Amino acid sequence: MSNNSNNSRLAIVIFFVFTLPTSFGGTFTTVSTSIPVPAQAIGTASGDTSPNSANTIHLDANVYLPDGATSPAPVILVNHGYGGSKNDSLVVALATDFASAGYVVITPTMRGFGDSEGLVSLAGPNEINDLKTIILAMQTGTIGDSPAITVPVSASSKFGVTGASYGGGSTFEIMRTHVTGLAAVAPIIGWTDLYQALSPNDVPKLSFLVGLFAGGFDVTNPNYDDVMFDWMRDFINDDPQQTRTGNAQQNMDWRSVIFDPTELSVPTFVIQGWRDWLFPAEQATSLFETSTAIPFFKLYVGGLGHPPASTVITNPEALYLRGQLLRWFDHWLKGIDTGITTESRVTVANEKTQNWSQTTLVNADTFPLPGTTTATYFFNKNKLSMLSSAGKPQNIPPTTASTSIIAPIRAVLGGSTDQLIAAFLLVNNLLNAGSGILDANIVTQPDTSAASASYATPPLASSTTVTGLPTFHLFVSAQSSDATYYAQIYEQIPHGATKLVTRGAFKDHTMDFGTPHEIDFSPFAVNHTFKAGNKITVHVASRDFPYFLPNFSEPTIKIYRDATRPSNVTLPVAP
């Protein structure tokens, strides 16, 4: 099957990241093949997979064969991003790097995309079992059947897996299968908790969800499993928790390695982005801070990522990371002493890739960074105070400005899949200018029409760098149940202009909603320097549309700010 041109364009955008020319000297031959994989698979509770059908489908793939390579050659599998294929720019660039350095490389197009058969179920048991099947098949010395390709690979070969975005999430997941031969992985801007990435604290990310669903769908040859339609109905119907139920194929949490940390036992090098608001930095840092069975965990957080981070870059950060990936796999797959395991395990780079410099990298062995302190700012009337909280409770009414732009989807939630996909395509054109999750047109700007309460610090006496995960501690009540609290942190310059630094949302399921109570949640992790003379500003709002799905039954909410109910925000301040 062939994806439409719009889907292909979307998939290519982020993979331009690593297209800068590089050469490691070796020559290679590239051949195409079609690989049989089980048509259906099942997943265990711990994340392993096994075939569940004697029937097969075929995946389109390229195999890169280094000239002169002999068995048992090391192998790297490169996964593509959502809606993409084996021909994406990053896939080809990384495959060229690795093949030039003597690796056998295989780049499959995942089922449902490009010219591969099957249906997309968002890195479910079928897709992960496909990767497992490919690795095991390579060890027989041949791969594919149309044609069968002889490869200098055996059961003694060591395998690595890498990929970005959808490919990064899949790279995390393959670890839980404990497939024979897997020696190292390098997930790039992927996810570890898919539900929290798409619906943080039970509040769906509307603009990204619409872009994801529309951007990966092939209108000429429908390529989605039923689970994709079920999930989107749950999200848009403001019932996202339903996506976390059912068997492995139906349950979004099955796709999240954060829940199975002891199943992760392969050396792991994670690359994540600070300003990635699809798969934020805490998708990586939270796993790094969790007790896992990973024998060596290396973490880099910098400027790459989904919007609003830059996805089309041509500066030294890309070349640096390509070199680091090669060093990583050379150590674990070839046994070369590259020194990478004797260096610091954590590297923190600038939040924006255009400001990247190797001289500004911060290296450490732990995260949060050593010497990190916390600064707590209390809501004091309309100010942020480090001393006390004061003021009467503040009402924030529901925002009444129209959100009719998503009415076409809501109107067909109970209808057919054809009606649903047509509505998603229409709304995506209206909302995101037809773009998808990898395109800069995806909506990430703040909701300036929302009713909100604002709190600001005095002008900062000195610059303050916040690195890590802020936390909101709000004392609240609401007129009815299931109120949603949307919160943002801004930097405000002296003349009043503001810049959105991070945002978050929280659906409050407290039964005693009318009584003052505390809620705690975090916006996205940051690495941002608030400059001296500027202010740190917090907004608490009743809507953040269209980035987040609006609460269509949002009640009036109340924020408390007194000595016994001191609403506040805590920031991790870097040394």
Protein backbone atom coordinates (compact mmCIF):
# COMPACT_ATOMS: atom_id res chain seq x y z
CA MET A 1 0.00 0.00 0.00
CA SER A 2 1.08 3.58 -0.48
CA ASN A 3 0.41 6.42 1.94
CA ASN A 4 -0.84 9.68 0.49
CA SER A 5 1.68 12.41 -0.22
CA ASN A 6 0.63 14.41 2.82
CA ASN A 7 1.45 11.48 5.12
CA SER A 8 4.82 10.99 3.48
CA ARG A 9 5.65 14.67 3.90
CA LEU A 10 4.73 14.55 7.59
CA ALA A 11 6.88 11.55 8.25
CA ILE A 12 9.90 13.08 6.58
CA VAL A 13 9.96 16.34 8.51
CA ILE A 14 11.47 15.14 11.75
CA PHE A 15 13.82 12.80 10.05
CA PHE A 16 15.59 15.67 8.34
CA VAL A 17 17.25 16.11 11.73
CA PHE A 18 20.13 13.83 10.86
CA THR A 19 20.57 14.38 7.15
CA LEU A 20 23.83 16.29 7.41
CA PRO A 21 26.50 14.56 5.31
CA THR A 22 28.82 12.19 7.08
CA SER A 23 31.08 9.34 6.05
CA PHE A 24 32.75 6.56 7.93
CA GLY A 25 34.64 5.26 4.92
CA GLY A 26 33.08 1.87 4.18
CA THR A 27 31.06 0.93 1.14
CA PHE A 28 27.86 -1.07 1.11
CA THR A 29 25.06 -2.40 -1.06
CA THR A 30 21.38 -1.71 -0.45
CA VAL A 31 18.76 -4.28 -1.42
CA SER A 32 15.01 -4.39 -0.94
CA THR A 33 12.98 -7.35 0.22
CA SER A 34 9.58 -8.34 1.56
CA ILE A 35 9.60 -9.99 4.98
CA PRO A 36 6.89 -12.44 6.12
CA VAL A 37 5.66 -11.91 9.70
CA PRO A 38 2.74 -13.47 11.60
CA ALA A 39 -0.54 -11.77 10.72
CA GLN A 40 -1.56 -11.57 14.38
CA ALA A 41 0.32 -11.66 17.67
CA ILE A 42 -0.54 -11.58 21.34
CA GLY A 43 1.22 -9.79 24.17
CA THR A 44 1.92 -10.96 27.69
CA ALA A 45 1.30 -8.83 30.75
CA SER A 46 5.04 -8.13 31.01
CA GLY A 47 5.36 -6.98 27.39
CA ASP A 48 6.61 -10.06 25.55
CA THR A 49 4.92 -11.18 22.34
CA SER A 50 4.23 -14.39 20.41
CA PRO A 51 2.49 -15.28 17.12
CA ASN A 52 -1.25 -15.88 17.26
CA SER A 53 -1.82 -16.89 13.65
CA ALA A 54 -0.35 -19.27 11.09
CA ASN A 55 -1.10 -16.71 8.38
CA THR A 56 1.46 -14.10 7.38
CA ILE A 57 1.58 -10.60 6.03
CA HIS A 58 4.62 -8.97 4.43
CA LEU A 59 6.65 -5.94 5.46
CA ASP A 60 8.62 -3.87 2.98
CA ALA A 61 12.26 -3.42 4.02
CA ASN A 62 15.71 -2.36 2.91
CA VAL A 63 18.82 -4.27 3.89
CA TYR A 64 22.19 -2.50 3.89
CA LEU A 65 25.09 -4.93 3.39
CA PRO A 66 28.62 -3.65 4.08
CA ASP A 67 31.06 -4.80 1.42
CA GLY A 68 33.34 -7.49 2.79
CA ALA A 69 31.32 -8.11 5.97
CA THR A 70 31.58 -11.62 7.35
CA SER A 71 29.45 -13.56 9.76
CA PRO A 72 28.73 -12.95 12.60
CA ALA A 73 28.39 -9.29 11.59
CA PRO A 74 26.70 -6.86 14.01
CA VAL A 75 23.20 -5.67 13.02
CA ILE A 76 21.26 -2.48 13.65
CA LEU A 77 17.51 -2.22 13.06
CA VAL A 78 16.32 1.34 12.39
CA ASN A 79 12.62 2.12 13.02
CA HIS A 80 10.84 4.97 11.26
CA GLY A 81 8.41 7.53 12.63
CA TYR A 82 4.63 7.61 12.56
CA GLY A 83 3.18 7.57 9.06
CA GLY A 84 6.64 7.01 7.62
CA SER A 85 8.56 4.26 5.87
CA LYS A 86 11.98 2.76 5.23
CA ASN A 87 12.71 5.73 2.94
CA ASP A 88 12.43 8.49 5.55
CA SER A 89 15.38 10.84 5.67
CA LEU A 90 16.56 9.95 9.17
CA VAL A 91 16.20 6.23 8.50
CA VAL A 92 18.33 6.48 5.36
CA ALA A 93 20.88 8.76 7.01
CA LEU A 94 21.36 6.55 10.06
CA ALA A 95 21.41 3.40 7.95
CA THR A 96 24.10 4.95 5.77
CA ASP A 97 26.16 5.92 8.83
CA PHE A 98 25.94 2.45 10.33
CA ALA A 99 26.46 0.53 7.08
CA SER A 100 29.50 2.69 6.27
CA ALA A 101 30.88 1.69 9.66
CA GLY A 102 30.50 -2.02 8.94
CA TYR A 103 27.05 -2.81 10.33
CA VAL A 104 24.43 -4.85 8.56
CA VAL A 105 21.38 -2.57 8.75
CA ILE A 106 17.73 -3.43 8.25
CA THR A 107 15.06 -0.75 7.89
CA PRO A 108 11.56 -2.23 7.85
CA THR A 109 8.46 -0.22 7.07
CA MET A 110 6.16 -1.02 9.99
CA ARG A 111 2.84 -2.66 9.27
CA GLY A 112 0.12 -0.46 7.87
CA PHE A 113 2.51 2.17 6.52
CA GLY A 114 4.20 2.65 3.15
CA ASP A 115 4.20 -0.58 1.14
CA SER A 116 3.85 -2.88 4.15
CA GLU A 117 0.71 -4.92 4.66
CA GLY A 118 -1.37 -5.08 7.82
CA LEU A 119 -3.12 -2.54 10.00
CA VAL A 120 -1.73 0.09 12.38
CA SER A 121 -2.42 -0.47 16.08
CA LEU A 122 0.08 2.07 17.42
CA ALA A 123 2.98 -0.16 18.45
CA GLY A 124 0.81 -2.92 19.84
CA PRO A 125 1.66 -6.62 20.11
CA ASN A 126 1.51 -7.06 16.33
CA GLU A 127 4.09 -4.36 15.58
CA ILE A 128 6.47 -5.35 18.37
CA ASN A 129 6.25 -9.02 17.42
CA ASP A 130 7.15 -7.98 13.87
CA LEU A 131 10.42 -6.49 15.13
CA LYS A 132 11.11 -9.61 17.20
CA THR A 133 10.41 -11.81 14.17
CA ILE A 134 12.82 -9.82 12.00
CA ILE A 135 15.64 -10.08 14.54
CA LEU A 136 15.21 -13.84 14.89
CA ALA A 137 14.94 -14.33 11.12
CA MET A 138 18.16 -12.40 10.52
CA GLN A 139 20.00 -14.88 12.73
CA THR A 140 19.30 -17.70 10.22
CA GLY A 141 21.52 -16.02 7.62
CA THR A 142 18.70 -14.97 5.30
CA ILE A 143 15.93 -12.39 5.49
CA GLY A 144 12.79 -11.96 3.40
CA ASP A 145 11.24 -14.08 0.68
CA SER A 146 10.69 -11.65 -2.17
CA PRO A 147 13.56 -12.08 -2.68
CA ALA A 148 15.38 -13.98 0.06
CA ILE A 149 18.52 -12.00 0.95
CA THR A 150 21.62 -13.74 2.24
CA VAL A 151 23.12 -11.79 5.14
CA PRO A 152 26.43 -12.33 7.01
CA VAL A 153 24.51 -12.75 10.26
CA SER A 154 24.21 -15.66 12.67
CA ALA A 155 22.95 -16.50 16.14
CA SER A 156 26.26 -15.08 17.40
CA SER A 157 25.61 -11.63 15.93
CA LYS A 158 24.80 -8.76 18.27
CA PHE A 159 21.78 -6.61 17.47
CA GLY A 160 20.97 -2.97 18.17
CA VAL A 161 17.70 -1.12 17.65
CA THR A 162 17.09 2.60 17.24
CA GLY A 163 14.49 4.98 15.81
CA ALA A 164 12.73 8.27 16.44
CA SER A 165 9.22 9.23 17.56
CA TYR A 166 7.02 6.19 16.74
CA GLY A 167 10.27 4.36 16.12
CA GLY A 168 11.58 5.53 19.50
CA GLY A 169 8.56 4.17 21.35
CA SER A 170 8.89 0.87 19.49
CA THR A 171 12.58 0.76 20.39
CA PHE A 172 11.69 0.99 24.08
CA GLU A 173 9.11 -1.77 23.70
CA ILE A 174 11.32 -4.33 21.95
CA MET A 175 13.40 -4.57 25.13
CA ARG A 176 10.58 -6.30 27.00
CA THR A 177 10.54 -9.23 24.55
CA HIS A 178 14.05 -10.25 25.67
CA VAL A 179 14.68 -11.34 22.08
CA THR A 180 17.88 -13.33 21.66
CA GLY A 181 20.81 -11.29 20.40
CA LEU A 182 19.53 -7.84 21.40
CA ALA A 183 22.58 -6.10 22.90
CA ALA A 184 21.76 -2.35 22.98
CA VAL A 185 19.04 0.15 22.08
CA ALA A 186 18.86 3.91 21.43
CA PRO A 187 15.31 5.34 21.53
CA ILE A 188 15.07 8.88 20.09
CA ILE A 189 12.24 11.21 21.24
CA GLY A 190 9.97 8.26 21.94
CA TRP A 191 7.59 7.55 24.81
CA THR A 192 7.72 5.48 27.97
CA ASP A 193 4.14 6.22 29.12
CA LEU A 194 1.92 6.57 26.07
CA TYR A 195 -1.25 7.42 27.96
CA GLN A 196 0.39 10.22 29.93
CA ALA A 197 1.96 11.50 26.71
CA LEU A 198 -1.37 11.70 24.88
CA SER A 199 -3.68 12.48 27.80
CA PRO A 200 -1.71 13.86 30.76
CA ASN A 201 -3.67 13.57 34.01
CA ASP A 202 -6.72 12.46 31.98
CA VAL A 203 -6.79 15.59 29.75
CA PRO A 204 -6.36 14.70 26.04
CA LYS A 205 -3.95 16.71 23.89
CA LEU A 206 -6.44 17.65 21.22
CA SER A 207 -4.25 19.23 18.53
CA PHE A 208 -1.71 16.40 18.64
CA LEU A 209 -4.37 13.66 18.73
CA VAL A 210 -6.15 15.07 15.71
CA GLY A 211 -2.84 15.50 13.89
CA LEU A 212 -1.72 11.99 14.79
CA PHE A 213 -4.94 10.32 13.68
CA ALA A 214 -5.27 12.27 10.43
CA GLY A 215 -1.56 12.31 9.61
CA GLY A 216 -1.09 8.53 9.68
CA PHE A 217 -4.28 7.48 7.92
CA ASP A 218 -4.18 6.35 4.29
CA VAL A 219 -7.41 7.55 2.67
CA THR A 220 -6.77 5.51 -0.50
CA ASN A 221 -6.18 2.25 1.36
CA PRO A 222 -7.50 2.40 4.95
CA ASN A 223 -4.77 1.20 7.28
CA TYR A 224 -6.07 1.49 10.86
CA ASP A 225 -7.02 -1.31 13.21
CA ASP A 226 -10.36 -0.91 15.02
CA VAL A 227 -8.54 -0.04 18.24
CA MET A 228 -7.45 3.27 16.71
CA PHE A 229 -11.08 4.32 16.19
CA ASP A 230 -12.09 3.08 19.63
CA TRP A 231 -9.34 5.11 21.29
CA MET A 232 -10.14 8.29 19.40
CA ARG A 233 -13.81 8.02 20.31
CA ASP A 234 -12.79 7.67 23.96
CA PHE A 235 -10.45 10.67 23.80
CA ILE A 236 -12.83 13.04 22.05
CA ASN A 237 -15.72 11.91 24.23
CA ASP A 238 -13.60 13.03 27.21
CA ASP A 239 -13.39 9.49 28.55
CA PRO A 240 -9.70 8.76 27.92
CA GLN A 241 -9.39 6.30 30.81
CA GLN A 242 -11.21 3.72 28.67
CA THR A 243 -8.10 3.42 26.50
CA ARG A 244 -6.38 1.80 29.48
CA THR A 245 -8.67 -1.23 29.59
CA GLY A 246 -8.85 -4.55 27.76
CA ASN A 247 -6.24 -6.99 26.52
CA ALA A 248 -2.79 -6.13 25.22
CA GLN A 249 -4.06 -5.14 21.78
CA GLN A 250 -6.68 -2.79 23.25
CA ASN A 251 -4.86 -1.43 26.31
CA MET A 252 -2.72 1.65 25.78
CA ASP A 253 -0.76 0.95 28.95
CA TRP A 254 0.60 -2.26 27.40
CA ARG A 255 2.60 0.03 25.13
CA SER A 256 4.23 1.83 28.08
CA VAL A 257 7.48 0.42 29.43
CA ILE A 258 7.34 2.64 32.54
CA PHE A 259 4.99 0.01 34.04
CA ASP A 260 7.44 -2.85 33.46
CA PRO A 261 10.81 -1.37 34.47
CA THR A 262 12.27 -4.67 35.67
CA GLU A 263 11.72 -6.11 32.17
CA LEU A 264 14.18 -3.58 30.73
CA SER A 265 17.57 -5.29 30.81
CA VAL A 266 19.40 -3.95 27.74
CA PRO A 267 21.93 -1.06 27.69
CA THR A 268 19.90 2.03 26.74
CA PHE A 269 20.87 5.41 25.30
CA VAL A 270 17.86 7.77 25.28
CA ILE A 271 17.72 11.05 23.34
CA GLN A 272 14.84 13.35 24.32
CA GLY A 273 13.87 17.01 23.83
CA TRP A 274 13.11 19.76 26.34
CA ARG A 275 10.50 21.55 24.22
CA ASP A 276 8.81 18.43 22.86
CA TRP A 277 5.14 18.77 23.82
CA LEU A 278 4.09 15.43 22.35
CA PHE A 279 6.61 13.21 24.16
CA PRO A 280 8.01 15.62 26.78
CA ALA A 281 11.37 15.27 28.49
CA GLU A 282 9.88 13.56 31.55
CA GLN A 283 9.08 10.57 29.35
CA ALA A 284 12.83 9.91 29.54
CA THR A 285 13.81 11.44 32.87
CA SER A 286 11.06 9.59 34.76
CA LEU A 287 12.36 6.26 33.48
CA PHE A 288 15.91 7.28 34.29
CA GLU A 289 14.85 7.99 37.87
CA THR A 290 13.00 4.66 38.11
CA SER A 291 14.63 1.45 39.30
CA THR A 292 15.10 -0.70 36.20
CA ALA A 293 17.20 -3.69 35.18
CA ILE A 294 19.01 -1.61 32.54
CA PRO A 295 22.72 -2.34 33.08
CA PHE A 296 23.87 1.01 31.66
CA PHE A 297 21.44 3.88 31.07
CA LYS A 298 22.70 6.94 29.19
CA LEU A 299 20.48 10.02 28.85
CA TYR A 300 20.74 13.07 26.57
CA VAL A 301 18.11 15.83 26.75
CA GLY A 302 18.50 18.71 24.34
CA GLY A 303 16.86 20.68 21.55
CA LEU A 304 15.43 17.98 19.29
CA GLY A 305 11.81 16.98 19.39
CA HIS A 306 8.26 17.34 18.24
CA PRO A 307 6.77 20.85 18.15
CA PRO A 308 7.28 23.42 19.49
CA ALA A 309 10.86 22.11 19.37
CA SER A 310 12.62 22.39 16.05
CA THR A 311 12.32 19.33 13.83
CA VAL A 312 14.22 20.67 10.82
CA ILE A 313 17.74 21.50 11.95
CA THR A 314 21.13 21.66 10.28
CA ASN A 315 23.43 22.58 13.13
CA PRO A 316 26.14 20.80 15.12
CA GLU A 317 23.74 19.09 17.57
CA ALA A 318 22.68 16.67 14.83
CA LEU A 319 26.24 15.72 13.89
CA TYR A 320 27.20 15.36 17.54
CA LEU A 321 24.36 12.94 18.22
CA ARG A 322 25.03 10.87 15.11
CA GLY A 323 28.55 10.44 16.36
CA GLN A 324 27.34 9.51 19.82
CA LEU A 325 25.00 6.86 18.41
CA LEU A 326 27.86 5.29 16.50
CA ARG A 327 30.06 5.28 19.59
CA TRP A 328 27.23 3.69 21.55
CA PHE A 329 26.69 0.80 19.18
CA ASP A 330 30.42 0.34 18.53
CA HIS A 331 30.86 -0.31 22.25
CA TRP A 332 27.97 -2.72 22.77
CA LEU A 333 27.83 -4.48 19.41
CA LYS A 334 31.48 -4.51 18.29
CA GLY A 335 33.22 -4.49 21.67
CA ILE A 336 35.24 -1.38 20.79
CA ASP A 337 36.38 0.68 23.76
CA THR A 338 34.90 4.01 22.71
CA GLY A 339 34.98 5.33 26.28
CA ILE A 340 31.25 6.02 26.26
CA THR A 341 30.55 3.98 29.39
CA THR A 342 33.22 5.80 31.40
CA GLU A 343 31.71 9.21 30.66
CA SER A 344 28.89 10.89 32.55
CA ARG A 345 25.58 9.13 32.11
CA VAL A 346 23.52 12.33 31.79
CA THR A 347 24.02 15.14 29.29
CA VAL A 348 21.83 18.24 29.45
CA ALA A 349 21.87 20.57 26.44
CA ASN A 350 20.13 23.86 25.70
CA GLU A 351 16.36 23.84 25.29
CA LYS A 352 16.67 25.14 21.73
CA THR A 353 18.81 23.29 19.23
CA GLN A 354 19.81 26.51 17.46
CA ASN A 355 21.60 27.55 20.67
CA TRP A 356 23.48 24.26 20.94
CA SER A 357 27.21 24.22 21.63
CA GLN A 358 29.31 21.37 22.89
CA THR A 359 30.96 23.75 25.32
CA THR A 360 27.62 24.44 27.02
CA LEU A 361 26.72 20.78 27.66
CA VAL A 362 26.18 19.92 31.32
CA ASN A 363 27.32 16.43 32.27
CA ALA A 364 26.44 14.48 35.40
CA ASP A 365 25.71 10.94 36.56
CA THR A 366 22.34 11.66 38.12
CA PHE A 367 19.12 13.46 37.36
CA PRO A 368 17.92 15.83 38.72
CA LEU A 369 21.34 17.41 38.28
CA PRO A 370 23.53 17.48 41.40
CA GLY A 371 23.08 20.69 43.34
CA THR A 372 19.51 21.22 42.11
CA THR A 373 17.42 23.07 44.69
CA THR A 374 13.74 23.92 44.83
CA ALA A 375 12.11 27.33 44.85
CA THR A 376 8.50 27.47 46.01
CA TYR A 377 6.38 30.45 44.99
CA PHE A 378 3.09 30.95 46.84
CA PHE A 379 0.02 32.59 45.34
CA ASN A 380 -0.19 35.88 47.23
CA LYS A 381 -3.08 37.92 45.85
CA ASN A 382 -1.99 38.42 42.22
CA LYS A 383 1.69 37.87 42.95
CA LEU A 384 4.04 34.92 43.42
CA SER A 385 5.74 35.20 46.79
CA MET A 386 8.47 33.05 48.30
CA LEU A 387 7.31 34.07 51.81
CA SER A 388 3.59 33.49 52.19
CA SER A 389 0.22 32.93 50.59
CA ALA A 390 -2.49 35.54 51.05
CA GLY A 391 -5.74 36.63 49.48
CA LYS A 392 -9.37 35.69 49.20
CA PRO A 393 -10.45 32.67 47.13
CA GLN A 394 -10.49 33.51 43.43
CA ASN A 395 -13.22 32.31 41.09
CA ILE A 396 -12.37 31.30 37.52
CA PRO A 397 -15.54 30.88 35.42
CA PRO A 398 -15.82 28.47 32.52
CA THR A 399 -14.64 29.91 29.22
CA THR A 400 -17.58 30.47 26.90
CA ALA A 401 -15.73 31.30 23.68
CA SER A 402 -16.73 28.94 20.88
CA THR A 403 -14.99 25.61 20.37
CA SER A 404 -17.29 24.64 17.49
CA ILE A 405 -14.28 23.83 15.33
CA ILE A 406 -14.30 20.27 16.68
CA ALA A 407 -18.07 19.87 16.42
CA PRO A 408 -17.78 17.68 13.27
CA ILE A 409 -15.95 15.01 15.28
CA ARG A 410 -18.28 15.11 18.24
CA ALA A 411 -21.27 14.83 15.92
CA VAL A 412 -20.15 11.45 14.56
CA LEU A 413 -18.68 9.79 17.67
CA GLY A 414 -21.40 7.15 17.53
CA GLY A 415 -21.26 6.80 13.77
CA SER A 416 -19.24 4.73 11.33
CA THR A 417 -15.47 4.69 10.99
CA ASP A 418 -15.83 6.34 7.57
CA GLN A 419 -17.70 9.24 9.15
CA LEU A 420 -15.15 9.50 11.93
CA ILE A 421 -12.09 9.63 9.71
CA ALA A 422 -13.77 12.16 7.41
CA ALA A 423 -14.48 14.35 10.43
CA PHE A 424 -10.92 14.03 11.71
CA LEU A 425 -9.48 14.99 8.34
CA LEU A 426 -11.78 18.01 8.17
CA VAL A 427 -11.00 19.17 11.70
CA ASN A 428 -7.28 18.63 11.17
CA ASN A 429 -7.41 20.86 8.11
CA LEU A 430 -9.19 23.55 10.12
CA LEU A 431 -7.16 23.15 13.30
CA ASN A 432 -3.64 22.27 12.20
CA ALA A 433 -3.66 23.46 8.58
CA GLY A 434 -3.70 19.81 7.52
CA SER A 435 -0.43 19.06 9.29
CA GLY A 436 0.41 16.17 11.60
CA ILE A 437 2.38 15.58 14.75
CA LEU A 438 5.75 16.24 13.14
CA ASP A 439 4.86 19.51 11.45
CA ALA A 440 5.43 23.00 12.85
CA ASN A 441 1.80 23.84 12.01
CA ILE A 442 0.54 21.66 14.84
CA VAL A 443 -1.19 23.99 17.31
CA THR A 444 0.89 24.67 20.43
CA GLN A 445 0.30 28.37 21.10
CA PRO A 446 -1.52 29.42 24.30
CA ASP A 447 -5.25 30.00 24.58
CA THR A 448 -5.49 33.79 24.95
CA SER A 449 -9.28 33.72 25.18
CA ALA A 450 -9.47 31.54 28.26
CA ALA A 451 -10.72 32.81 31.61
CA SER A 452 -7.78 32.66 34.00
CA ALA A 453 -6.11 33.93 37.14
CA SER A 454 -2.53 35.20 36.93
CA TYR A 455 0.25 35.41 39.49
CA ALA A 456 3.66 36.96 38.89
CA THR A 457 6.95 37.33 40.75
CA PRO A 458 8.63 40.71 41.14
CA PRO A 459 11.36 41.28 38.52
CA LEU A 460 14.05 38.67 39.13
CA ALA A 461 17.20 40.01 40.76
CA SER A 462 19.30 37.45 38.90
CA SER A 463 18.82 34.95 36.12
CA THR A 464 17.26 31.67 37.26
CA THR A 465 17.62 28.40 35.37
CA VAL A 466 14.84 25.89 35.94
CA THR A 467 15.83 22.34 34.93
CA GLY A 468 13.48 19.47 35.55
CA LEU A 469 9.85 18.98 36.47
CA PRO A 470 7.91 21.84 38.11
CA THR A 471 4.98 20.93 40.37
CA PHE A 472 1.71 22.74 41.00
CA HIS A 473 0.20 22.39 44.50
CA LEU A 474 -3.24 23.99 44.22
CA PHE A 475 -5.99 24.24 46.81
CA VAL A 476 -9.23 24.25 44.86
CA SER A 477 -12.95 23.59 44.83
CA ALA A 478 -15.54 23.48 42.07
CA GLN A 479 -19.26 23.85 41.59
CA SER A 480 -19.55 20.34 40.14
CA SER A 481 -17.47 17.21 39.63
CA ASP A 482 -14.67 16.51 37.16
CA ALA A 483 -13.44 20.07 36.81
CA THR A 484 -10.30 20.54 34.73
CA TYR A 485 -7.47 22.83 35.77
CA TYR A 486 -5.20 24.13 33.02
CA ALA A 487 -1.97 25.81 34.15
CA GLN A 488 0.89 27.49 32.34
CA ILE A 489 4.21 29.05 33.30
CA TYR A 490 5.34 32.11 31.33
CA GLU A 491 8.33 34.40 31.26
CA GLN A 492 7.27 38.06 31.16
CA ILE A 493 9.61 40.78 29.99
CA PRO A 494 9.39 44.32 31.50
CA HIS A 495 7.21 45.74 28.73
CA GLY A 496 4.58 43.05 29.18
CA ALA A 497 5.26 40.55 26.40
CA THR A 498 5.18 36.94 27.57
CA LYS A 499 6.65 33.67 26.39
CA LEU A 500 5.03 30.34 27.19
CA VAL A 501 7.62 28.14 28.92
CA THR A 502 5.55 25.09 29.88
CA ARG A 503 1.98 23.99 30.40
CA GLY A 504 -0.04 21.22 32.00
CA ALA A 505 -3.57 20.13 32.85
CA PHE A 506 -5.36 18.08 35.49
CA LYS A 507 -8.82 16.48 35.56
CA ASP A 508 -10.01 16.49 39.18
CA HIS A 509 -11.97 13.35 40.05
CA THR A 510 -12.31 14.24 43.75
CA MET A 511 -15.69 13.11 45.08
CA ASP A 512 -15.99 15.99 47.56
CA PHE A 513 -15.38 18.57 44.83
CA GLY A 514 -17.17 21.43 46.59
CA THR A 515 -14.89 21.34 49.63
CA PRO A 516 -11.42 22.94 49.46
CA HIS A 517 -8.86 20.24 48.73
CA GLU A 518 -5.37 19.98 47.29
CA ILE A 519 -4.43 18.77 43.82
CA ASP A 520 -0.86 18.14 42.71
CA PHE A 521 0.33 17.83 39.11
CA SER A 522 3.24 18.77 36.92
CA PRO A 523 3.46 20.63 33.63
CA PHE A 524 6.05 19.46 31.11
CA ALA A 525 9.67 19.34 32.20
CA VAL A 526 11.82 22.33 31.24
CA ASN A 527 15.37 23.56 30.94
CA HIS A 528 14.78 27.29 30.76
CA THR A 529 16.62 30.36 32.02
CA PHE A 530 14.40 33.19 33.26
CA LYS A 531 16.50 36.30 32.72
CA ALA A 532 17.24 38.90 35.38
CA GLY A 533 14.68 41.70 35.29
CA ASN A 534 11.96 39.46 33.88
CA LYS A 535 9.08 37.91 35.82
CA ILE A 536 7.95 34.32 36.29
CA THR A 537 4.20 34.24 35.70
CA VAL A 538 1.69 31.47 36.40
CA HIS A 539 -1.76 31.28 34.79
CA VAL A 540 -4.46 28.94 36.05
CA ALA A 541 -7.24 28.73 33.48
CA SER A 542 -10.52 27.01 32.74
CA ARG A 543 -9.42 26.09 29.21
CA ASP A 544 -6.31 25.69 27.02
CA PHE A 545 -7.80 25.19 23.57
CA PRO A 546 -7.03 23.75 21.07
CA TYR A 547 -3.88 22.25 22.53
CA PHE A 548 -5.93 20.43 25.17
CA LEU A 549 -9.44 19.10 24.72
CA PRO A 550 -11.82 21.55 26.44
CA ASN A 551 -14.02 20.34 29.28
CA PHE A 552 -17.48 20.80 27.77
CA SER A 553 -19.11 20.69 31.21
CA GLU A 554 -16.49 22.79 32.97
CA PRO A 555 -17.85 24.35 36.19
CA THR A 556 -16.69 27.52 37.87
CA ILE A 557 -13.53 26.67 39.77
CA LYS A 558 -12.04 28.36 42.80
CA ILE A 559 -8.37 28.84 43.71
CA TYR A 560 -7.47 29.33 47.39
CA ARG A 561 -4.50 31.44 48.48
CA ASP A 562 -4.38 31.86 52.24
CA ALA A 563 -2.20 30.66 55.11
CA THR A 564 -4.10 27.41 55.61
CA ARG A 565 -4.59 26.73 51.89
CA PRO A 566 -1.39 28.03 50.29
CA SER A 567 -1.59 27.32 46.58
CA ASN A 568 1.90 27.36 45.08
CA VAL A 569 4.26 26.20 42.38
CA THR A 570 7.63 24.56 43.07
CA LEU A 571 10.44 24.94 40.55
CA PRO A 572 13.63 22.82 40.33
CA VAL A 573 16.45 25.37 40.15
CA ALA A 574 19.72 24.25 38.59
CA PRO A 575 23.01 25.12 40.31
